[in-house]
Amino acid sequence: MVNYVPYSSNFAGGTCYVQAQDVLSYMQVNDQAQQSDYDLLAQTLIPIACDYIDRVAGTTWGLKQKVQDVKSIGKPMSAGFYLIGAPVYLEYFPVVDYHTVTTSAVSTLQSLQIWNGISYQEWVGFVFENRNGNFWVDKEAGIVYIIGWWWYMGYEFRATYYYGFNVAGTIHMPGDVKEFALLKSAQLWLDSQRYTAVVSQGIGGIEMTMQYNRLEKRIKELEQYFAGFRTVQGSFLP
């Protein structure tokens, strides 16, 4: 087997859930793999696969930032006779507290801007964040509740925030996350080998098209499962 160059499990903007040797071992091509195969997987295909998983699931098993998540503010929700605010469902969850470097202040969101009819008005650091204030955040669900909704219903909302599980590396990553990343990365790599395949075929091997289709079937099953992580996004509009 080639002596490949190791790489970090992190890439710009996210976390890799598998390593190149995992993918090539799964495909049973370690002995035939070249350094270029490891490089392609580590630098390009695995990050693509992991980003794809995060978009499907609406979360990440690492830490990422969403810049200007734009939604519309809709109708309020109530608990009995008590209005809890107009819910705005963020694109990603769970929300991770933002720590201001210069002041050591902590807020749930890095930025929350509300369109007031003329311009965007920044709320973080300027209005109160709590259930009796102007807004509050259900961090686990990724929902921002706007208080005083009657002033803002139908207006735009844009937020910048950090999100993800396993922020400090203390939460175990579910096995199906690794399976999804492994199979999606293998599928991308197999597609890249369509002209110069090192995959065993014929006697003792599985034809490439069959392998690709088998991967595709299981990936579709995992996509449906992970898509169920977030069933609702956006707002309850009037």
C-alpha atoms as a PDB file:
ATOM      1  CA  MET A   1       0.000   0.000   0.000  1.00  0.00           C
ATOM      2  CA  VAL A   2       1.218   3.488  -0.777  1.00  0.00           C
ATOM      3  CA  ASN A   3       2.535   5.594   2.099  1.00  0.00           C
ATOM      4  CA  TYR A   4      -0.028   8.364   1.824  1.00  0.00           C
ATOM      5  CA  VAL A   5       0.322  11.826   3.347  1.00  0.00           C
ATOM      6  CA  PRO A   6      -2.040  12.229   6.331  1.00  0.00           C
ATOM      7  CA  TYR A   7      -4.398  15.186   6.576  1.00  0.00           C
ATOM      8  CA  SER A   8      -6.476  16.965   9.189  1.00  0.00           C
ATOM      9  CA  SER A   9     -10.051  15.825   9.867  1.00  0.00           C
ATOM     10  CA  ASN A  10     -11.173  19.448   9.515  1.00  0.00           C
ATOM     11  CA  PHE A  11     -11.520  21.518   6.368  1.00  0.00           C
ATOM     12  CA  ALA A  12     -12.377  25.147   5.811  1.00  0.00           C
ATOM     13  CA  GLY A  13     -15.892  25.602   7.115  1.00  0.00           C
ATOM     14  CA  GLY A  14     -16.587  22.142   8.481  1.00  0.00           C
ATOM     15  CA  THR A  15     -15.611  18.720   9.752  1.00  0.00           C
ATOM     16  CA  CYS A  16     -14.813  15.552   7.825  1.00  0.00           C
ATOM     17  CA  TYR A  17     -16.620  12.461   9.082  1.00  0.00           C
ATOM     18  CA  VAL A  18     -14.371   9.894   7.400  1.00  0.00           C
ATOM     19  CA  GLN A  19     -10.788   9.720   6.164  1.00  0.00           C
ATOM     20  CA  ALA A  20      -9.429   8.811   2.778  1.00  0.00           C
ATOM     21  CA  GLN A  21      -8.110   5.445   3.944  1.00  0.00           C
ATOM     22  CA  ASP A  22     -11.598   4.580   5.248  1.00  0.00           C
ATOM     23  CA  VAL A  23     -13.081   5.078   1.790  1.00  0.00           C
ATOM     24  CA  LEU A  24     -10.350   3.175  -0.053  1.00  0.00           C
ATOM     25  CA  SER A  25     -10.488   0.336   2.466  1.00  0.00           C
ATOM     26  CA  TYR A  26     -14.237   0.113   1.962  1.00  0.00           C
ATOM     27  CA  MET A  27     -13.703  -0.074  -1.800  1.00  0.00           C
ATOM     28  CA  GLN A  28     -10.964  -2.717  -1.264  1.00  0.00           C
ATOM     29  CA  VAL A  29      -8.382  -0.812  -3.337  1.00  0.00           C
ATOM     30  CA  ASN A  30      -5.750   0.144  -0.767  1.00  0.00           C
ATOM     31  CA  ASP A  31      -3.030  -1.859  -2.510  1.00  0.00           C
ATOM     32  CA  GLN A  32      -3.773  -0.273  -5.881  1.00  0.00           C
ATOM     33  CA  ALA A  33      -4.414   3.301  -4.667  1.00  0.00           C
ATOM     34  CA  GLN A  34      -1.999   6.083  -5.509  1.00  0.00           C
ATOM     35  CA  GLN A  35      -1.181   9.269  -3.626  1.00  0.00           C
ATOM     36  CA  SER A  36      -3.440  11.099  -6.073  1.00  0.00           C
ATOM     37  CA  ASP A  37      -6.388   8.961  -4.903  1.00  0.00           C
ATOM     38  CA  TYR A  38      -5.778   9.929  -1.282  1.00  0.00           C
ATOM     39  CA  ASP A  39      -5.320  13.595  -2.218  1.00  0.00           C
ATOM     40  CA  LEU A  40      -8.495  13.689  -4.287  1.00  0.00           C
ATOM     41  CA  LEU A  41     -10.529  12.170  -1.485  1.00  0.00           C
ATOM     42  CA  ALA A  42      -9.001  14.173   1.365  1.00  0.00           C
ATOM     43  CA  GLN A  43      -8.897  17.561  -0.331  1.00  0.00           C
ATOM     44  CA  THR A  44     -12.008  17.483  -2.506  1.00  0.00           C
ATOM     45  CA  LEU A  45     -14.424  14.565  -2.423  1.00  0.00           C
ATOM     46  CA  ILE A  46     -14.779  13.982   1.330  1.00  0.00           C
ATOM     47  CA  PRO A  47     -15.366  17.698   2.085  1.00  0.00           C
ATOM     48  CA  ILE A  48     -17.964  17.772  -0.708  1.00  0.00           C
ATOM     49  CA  ALA A  49     -19.707  14.713   0.735  1.00  0.00           C
ATOM     50  CA  CYS A  50     -19.687  16.058   4.294  1.00  0.00           C
ATOM     51  CA  ASP A  51     -21.006  19.452   3.226  1.00  0.00           C
ATOM     52  CA  TYR A  52     -23.763  17.658   1.353  1.00  0.00           C
ATOM     53  CA  ILE A  53     -24.724  15.689   4.462  1.00  0.00           C
ATOM     54  CA  ASP A  54     -24.857  18.878   6.533  1.00  0.00           C
ATOM     55  CA  ARG A  55     -27.181  20.546   4.019  1.00  0.00           C
ATOM     56  CA  VAL A  56     -29.492  17.531   3.910  1.00  0.00           C
ATOM     57  CA  ALA A  57     -29.631  17.210   7.717  1.00  0.00           C
ATOM     58  CA  GLY A  58     -29.747  20.928   8.500  1.00  0.00           C
ATOM     59  CA  THR A  59     -26.960  20.540  11.027  1.00  0.00           C
ATOM     60  CA  THR A  60     -23.316  19.517  11.383  1.00  0.00           C
ATOM     61  CA  TRP A  61     -21.421  17.216  13.724  1.00  0.00           C
ATOM     62  CA  GLY A  62     -18.814  19.901  14.177  1.00  0.00           C
ATOM     63  CA  LEU A  63     -19.129  23.694  14.152  1.00  0.00           C
ATOM     64  CA  LYS A  64     -20.104  25.977  11.278  1.00  0.00           C
ATOM     65  CA  GLN A  65     -21.264  29.535  10.726  1.00  0.00           C
ATOM     66  CA  LYS A  66     -24.333  30.588   8.752  1.00  0.00           C
ATOM     67  CA  VAL A  67     -24.078  34.146   7.437  1.00  0.00           C
ATOM     68  CA  GLN A  68     -27.300  36.108   6.871  1.00  0.00           C
ATOM     69  CA  ASP A  69     -29.959  33.436   7.073  1.00  0.00           C
ATOM     70  CA  VAL A  70     -32.859  35.372   5.510  1.00  0.00           C
ATOM     71  CA  LYS A  71     -36.463  34.561   6.451  1.00  0.00           C
ATOM     72  CA  SER A  72     -39.824  36.335   6.719  1.00  0.00           C
ATOM     73  CA  ILE A  73     -41.533  36.979  10.048  1.00  0.00           C
ATOM     74  CA  GLY A  74     -44.959  35.417  10.293  1.00  0.00           C
ATOM     75  CA  LYS A  75     -47.787  34.874  12.750  1.00  0.00           C
ATOM     76  CA  PRO A  76     -47.210  34.447  16.490  1.00  0.00           C
ATOM     77  CA  MET A  77     -47.546  31.264  18.500  1.00  0.00           C
ATOM     78  CA  SER A  78     -49.238  31.049  21.871  1.00  0.00           C
ATOM     79  CA  ALA A  79     -49.160  28.766  24.902  1.00  0.00           C
ATOM     80  CA  GLY A  80     -52.701  29.055  26.179  1.00  0.00           C
ATOM     81  CA  PHE A  81     -53.364  32.774  26.486  1.00  0.00           C
ATOM     82  CA  TYR A  82     -49.655  33.635  26.578  1.00  0.00           C
ATOM     83  CA  LEU A  83     -48.017  34.746  23.312  1.00  0.00           C
ATOM     84  CA  ILE A  84     -44.513  33.342  23.007  1.00  0.00           C
ATOM     85  CA  GLY A  85     -43.631  35.275  19.854  1.00  0.00           C
ATOM     86  CA  ALA A  86     -43.533  34.811  16.115  1.00  0.00           C
ATOM     87  CA  PRO A  87     -41.331  31.778  15.359  1.00  0.00           C
ATOM     88  CA  VAL A  88     -38.715  32.040  12.644  1.00  0.00           C
ATOM     89  CA  TYR A  89     -37.191  28.651  11.791  1.00  0.00           C
ATOM     90  CA  LEU A  90     -33.508  28.973  11.033  1.00  0.00           C
ATOM     91  CA  GLU A  91     -31.930  26.984   8.226  1.00  0.00           C
ATOM     92  CA  TYR A  92     -29.641  25.124  10.628  1.00  0.00           C
ATOM     93  CA  PHE A  93     -29.663  23.888  14.221  1.00  0.00           C
ATOM     94  CA  PRO A  94     -28.685  23.637  17.065  1.00  0.00           C
ATOM     95  CA  VAL A  95     -27.537  27.219  17.589  1.00  0.00           C
ATOM     96  CA  VAL A  96     -24.248  27.644  19.470  1.00  0.00           C
ATOM     97  CA  ASP A  97     -23.730  30.701  21.676  1.00  0.00           C
ATOM     98  CA  TYR A  98     -21.586  33.459  20.185  1.00  0.00           C
ATOM     99  CA  HIS A  99     -18.771  34.785  22.368  1.00  0.00           C
ATOM    100  CA  THR A 100     -17.656  38.309  21.558  1.00  0.00           C
ATOM    101  CA  VAL A 101     -13.842  38.318  21.524  1.00  0.00           C
ATOM    102  CA  THR A 102     -13.352  41.990  22.409  1.00  0.00           C
ATOM    103  CA  THR A 103     -15.830  42.239  25.295  1.00  0.00           C
ATOM    104  CA  SER A 104     -16.223  38.562  26.329  1.00  0.00           C
ATOM    105  CA  ALA A 105     -19.967  39.105  26.056  1.00  0.00           C
ATOM    106  CA  VAL A 106     -22.134  36.118  25.180  1.00  0.00           C
ATOM    107  CA  SER A 107     -25.178  36.226  22.909  1.00  0.00           C
ATOM    108  CA  THR A 108     -27.085  33.448  21.212  1.00  0.00           C
ATOM    109  CA  LEU A 109     -26.763  34.964  17.746  1.00  0.00           C
ATOM    110  CA  GLN A 110     -23.829  36.820  16.268  1.00  0.00           C
ATOM    111  CA  SER A 111     -26.191  39.156  14.448  1.00  0.00           C
ATOM    112  CA  LEU A 112     -29.949  39.599  14.159  1.00  0.00           C
ATOM    113  CA  GLN A 113     -31.198  42.269  11.770  1.00  0.00           C
ATOM    114  CA  ILE A 114     -34.843  43.210  11.284  1.00  0.00           C
ATOM    115  CA  TRP A 115     -36.109  45.165   8.290  1.00  0.00           C
ATOM    116  CA  ASN A 116     -38.008  48.163   9.660  1.00  0.00           C
ATOM    117  CA  GLY A 117     -39.435  49.321   6.337  1.00  0.00           C
ATOM    118  CA  ILE A 118     -36.444  51.513   5.505  1.00  0.00           C
ATOM    119  CA  SER A 119     -33.303  49.616   6.497  1.00  0.00           C
ATOM    120  CA  TYR A 120     -32.065  46.639   8.504  1.00  0.00           C
ATOM    121  CA  GLN A 121     -31.871  47.340  12.231  1.00  0.00           C
ATOM    122  CA  GLU A 122     -29.359  45.384  14.317  1.00  0.00           C
ATOM    123  CA  TRP A 123     -30.868  43.896  17.462  1.00  0.00           C
ATOM    124  CA  VAL A 124     -27.984  41.936  19.022  1.00  0.00           C
ATOM    125  CA  GLY A 125     -26.422  44.164  21.658  1.00  0.00           C
ATOM    126  CA  PHE A 126     -29.115  46.821  21.264  1.00  0.00           C
ATOM    127  CA  VAL A 127     -32.359  45.165  22.418  1.00  0.00           C
ATOM    128  CA  PHE A 128     -33.181  42.644  25.125  1.00  0.00           C
ATOM    129  CA  GLU A 129     -32.823  38.914  24.417  1.00  0.00           C
ATOM    130  CA  ASN A 130     -35.168  36.994  26.702  1.00  0.00           C
ATOM    131  CA  ARG A 131     -38.785  35.900  26.858  1.00  0.00           C
ATOM    132  CA  ASN A 132     -39.804  39.256  28.311  1.00  0.00           C
ATOM    133  CA  GLY A 133     -37.636  41.205  25.867  1.00  0.00           C
ATOM    134  CA  ASN A 134     -37.637  41.661  22.096  1.00  0.00           C
ATOM    135  CA  PHE A 135     -36.618  38.140  21.033  1.00  0.00           C
ATOM    136  CA  TRP A 136     -35.505  34.791  22.388  1.00  0.00           C
ATOM    137  CA  VAL A 137     -33.947  31.702  20.827  1.00  0.00           C
ATOM    138  CA  ASP A 138     -34.764  28.030  21.192  1.00  0.00           C
ATOM    139  CA  LYS A 139     -31.193  26.944  20.579  1.00  0.00           C
ATOM    140  CA  GLU A 140     -31.782  23.193  20.366  1.00  0.00           C
ATOM    141  CA  ALA A 141     -34.510  23.540  17.739  1.00  0.00           C
ATOM    142  CA  GLY A 142     -32.967  26.495  15.894  1.00  0.00           C
ATOM    143  CA  ILE A 143     -36.002  28.769  16.266  1.00  0.00           C
ATOM    144  CA  VAL A 144     -35.933  32.528  16.889  1.00  0.00           C
ATOM    145  CA  TYR A 145     -39.088  33.981  18.465  1.00  0.00           C
ATOM    146  CA  ILE A 146     -39.781  37.640  17.732  1.00  0.00           C
ATOM    147  CA  ILE A 147     -41.710  39.457  20.473  1.00  0.00           C
ATOM    148  CA  GLY A 148     -43.930  42.383  19.537  1.00  0.00           C
ATOM    149  CA  TRP A 149     -44.698  40.525  16.325  1.00  0.00           C
ATOM    150  CA  TRP A 150     -47.438  42.928  15.166  1.00  0.00           C
ATOM    151  CA  TRP A 151     -44.806  45.514  14.236  1.00  0.00           C
ATOM    152  CA  TYR A 152     -42.752  43.104  12.166  1.00  0.00           C
ATOM    153  CA  MET A 153     -45.123  40.545  10.603  1.00  0.00           C
ATOM    154  CA  GLY A 154     -44.249  40.124   6.925  1.00  0.00           C
ATOM    155  CA  TYR A 155     -40.932  41.934   7.310  1.00  0.00           C
ATOM    156  CA  GLU A 156     -37.592  40.322   6.541  1.00  0.00           C
ATOM    157  CA  PHE A 157     -35.313  38.906   9.159  1.00  0.00           C
ATOM    158  CA  ARG A 158     -31.678  37.948   8.679  1.00  0.00           C
ATOM    159  CA  ALA A 159     -29.442  36.265  11.218  1.00  0.00           C
ATOM    160  CA  THR A 160     -25.812  35.222  11.453  1.00  0.00           C
ATOM    161  CA  TYR A 161     -25.020  32.436  13.893  1.00  0.00           C
ATOM    162  CA  TYR A 162     -22.905  29.381  14.691  1.00  0.00           C
ATOM    163  CA  TYR A 163     -24.434  25.930  14.797  1.00  0.00           C
ATOM    164  CA  GLY A 164     -23.595  22.259  15.199  1.00  0.00           C
ATOM    165  CA  PHE A 165     -23.159  19.277  17.493  1.00  0.00           C
ATOM    166  CA  ASN A 166     -19.914  18.019  18.999  1.00  0.00           C
ATOM    167  CA  VAL A 167     -18.501  21.521  19.378  1.00  0.00           C
ATOM    168  CA  ALA A 168     -15.837  20.466  21.879  1.00  0.00           C
ATOM    169  CA  GLY A 169     -15.444  16.965  20.511  1.00  0.00           C
ATOM    170  CA  THR A 170     -17.244  15.489  23.484  1.00  0.00           C
ATOM    171  CA  ILE A 171     -20.376  14.130  21.774  1.00  0.00           C
ATOM    172  CA  HIS A 172     -20.158  10.795  19.976  1.00  0.00           C
ATOM    173  CA  MET A 173     -20.874  11.058  16.266  1.00  0.00           C
ATOM    174  CA  PRO A 174     -23.684   8.651  15.273  1.00  0.00           C
ATOM    175  CA  GLY A 175     -22.603   5.695  13.165  1.00  0.00           C
ATOM    176  CA  ASP A 176     -25.076   6.507  10.402  1.00  0.00           C
ATOM    177  CA  VAL A 177     -23.363   9.873   9.907  1.00  0.00           C
ATOM    178  CA  LYS A 178     -20.096   8.085   9.194  1.00  0.00           C
ATOM    179  CA  GLU A 179     -21.876   5.557   6.978  1.00  0.00           C
ATOM    180  CA  PHE A 180     -23.470   8.356   4.945  1.00  0.00           C
ATOM    181  CA  ALA A 181     -20.111  10.123   4.561  1.00  0.00           C
ATOM    182  CA  LEU A 182     -18.348   6.865   3.695  1.00  0.00           C
ATOM    183  CA  LEU A 183     -20.836   5.844   1.005  1.00  0.00           C
ATOM    184  CA  LYS A 184     -21.230   9.326  -0.495  1.00  0.00           C
ATOM    185  CA  SER A 185     -17.445   9.786  -0.666  1.00  0.00           C
ATOM    186  CA  ALA A 186     -17.051   6.312  -2.198  1.00  0.00           C
ATOM    187  CA  GLN A 187     -19.688   7.135  -4.803  1.00  0.00           C
ATOM    188  CA  LEU A 188     -17.959  10.400  -5.753  1.00  0.00           C
ATOM    189  CA  TRP A 189     -14.592   8.642  -5.938  1.00  0.00           C
ATOM    190  CA  LEU A 190     -16.017   5.791  -8.015  1.00  0.00           C
ATOM    191  CA  ASP A 191     -17.464   8.303 -10.451  1.00  0.00           C
ATOM    192  CA  SER A 192     -14.046   9.964 -10.740  1.00  0.00           C
ATOM    193  CA  GLN A 193     -12.534   6.567 -11.687  1.00  0.00           C
ATOM    194  CA  ARG A 194     -14.770   5.916 -14.675  1.00  0.00           C
ATOM    195  CA  TYR A 195     -11.883   6.305 -17.157  1.00  0.00           C
ATOM    196  CA  THR A 196      -8.931   4.972 -15.144  1.00  0.00           C
ATOM    197  CA  ALA A 197     -10.530   2.636 -12.621  1.00  0.00           C
ATOM    198  CA  VAL A 198      -8.447   0.681 -10.138  1.00  0.00           C
ATOM    199  CA  VAL A 199     -11.622  -1.019  -8.921  1.00  0.00           C
ATOM    200  CA  SER A 200     -11.614  -4.778  -9.303  1.00  0.00           C
ATOM    201  CA  GLN A 201     -14.065  -5.962 -11.955  1.00  0.00           C
ATOM    202  CA  GLY A 202     -14.911  -9.235 -13.643  1.00  0.00           C
ATOM    203  CA  ILE A 203     -13.994 -12.499 -11.907  1.00  0.00           C
ATOM    204  CA  GLY A 204     -13.918 -11.909  -8.144  1.00  0.00           C
ATOM    205  CA  GLY A 205     -15.011  -8.295  -8.523  1.00  0.00           C
ATOM    206  CA  ILE A 206     -18.222  -6.286  -8.971  1.00  0.00           C
ATOM    207  CA  GLU A 207     -18.772  -4.315 -12.153  1.00  0.00           C
ATOM    208  CA  MET A 208     -18.473  -0.558 -11.539  1.00  0.00           C
ATOM    209  CA  THR A 209     -22.006   0.290 -12.625  1.00  0.00           C
ATOM    210  CA  MET A 210     -23.395  -2.284 -10.209  1.00  0.00           C
ATOM    211  CA  GLN A 211     -21.271  -0.901  -7.380  1.00  0.00           C
ATOM    212  CA  TYR A 212     -22.405   2.636  -8.169  1.00  0.00           C
ATOM    213  CA  ASN A 213     -26.082   1.605  -8.196  1.00  0.00           C
ATOM    214  CA  ARG A 214     -25.738  -0.276  -4.910  1.00  0.00           C
ATOM    215  CA  LEU A 215     -24.206   2.797  -3.309  1.00  0.00           C
ATOM    216  CA  GLU A 216     -26.909   5.022  -4.801  1.00  0.00           C
ATOM    217  CA  LYS A 217     -29.697   2.899  -3.306  1.00  0.00           C
ATOM    218  CA  ARG A 218     -28.343   3.071   0.239  1.00  0.00           C
ATOM    219  CA  ILE A 219     -27.453   6.775  -0.088  1.00  0.00           C
ATOM    220  CA  LYS A 220     -31.055   7.566  -1.054  1.00  0.00           C
ATOM    221  CA  GLU A 221     -32.266   5.745   2.057  1.00  0.00           C
ATOM    222  CA  LEU A 222     -29.889   7.753   4.242  1.00  0.00           C
ATOM    223  CA  GLU A 223     -30.874  11.007   2.544  1.00  0.00           C
ATOM    224  CA  GLN A 224     -34.511  10.410   3.458  1.00  0.00           C
ATOM    225  CA  TYR A 225     -33.572   9.655   7.049  1.00  0.00           C
ATOM    226  CA  PHE A 226     -31.344  12.715   7.473  1.00  0.00           C
ATOM    227  CA  ALA A 227     -33.813  15.006   5.724  1.00  0.00           C
ATOM    228  CA  GLY A 228     -36.236  14.167   8.534  1.00  0.00           C
ATOM    229  CA  PHE A 229     -33.988  15.899  11.059  1.00  0.00           C
ATOM    230  CA  ARG A 230     -35.622  19.215  10.123  1.00  0.00           C
ATOM    231  CA  THR A 231     -39.245  18.947   9.046  1.00  0.00           C
ATOM    232  CA  VAL A 232     -40.058  22.674   9.127  1.00  0.00           C
ATOM    233  CA  GLN A 233     -38.180  25.751   7.988  1.00  0.00           C
ATOM    234  CA  GLY A 234     -39.148  29.363   7.362  1.00  0.00           C
ATOM    235  CA  SER A 235     -42.061  31.021   9.182  1.00  0.00           C
ATOM    236  CA  PHE A 236     -45.793  30.814   9.701  1.00  0.00           C
ATOM    237  CA  LEU A 237     -46.862  33.476   7.242  1.00  0.00           C
ATOM    238  CA  PRO A 238     -50.154  35.389   7.452  1.00  0.00           C
END
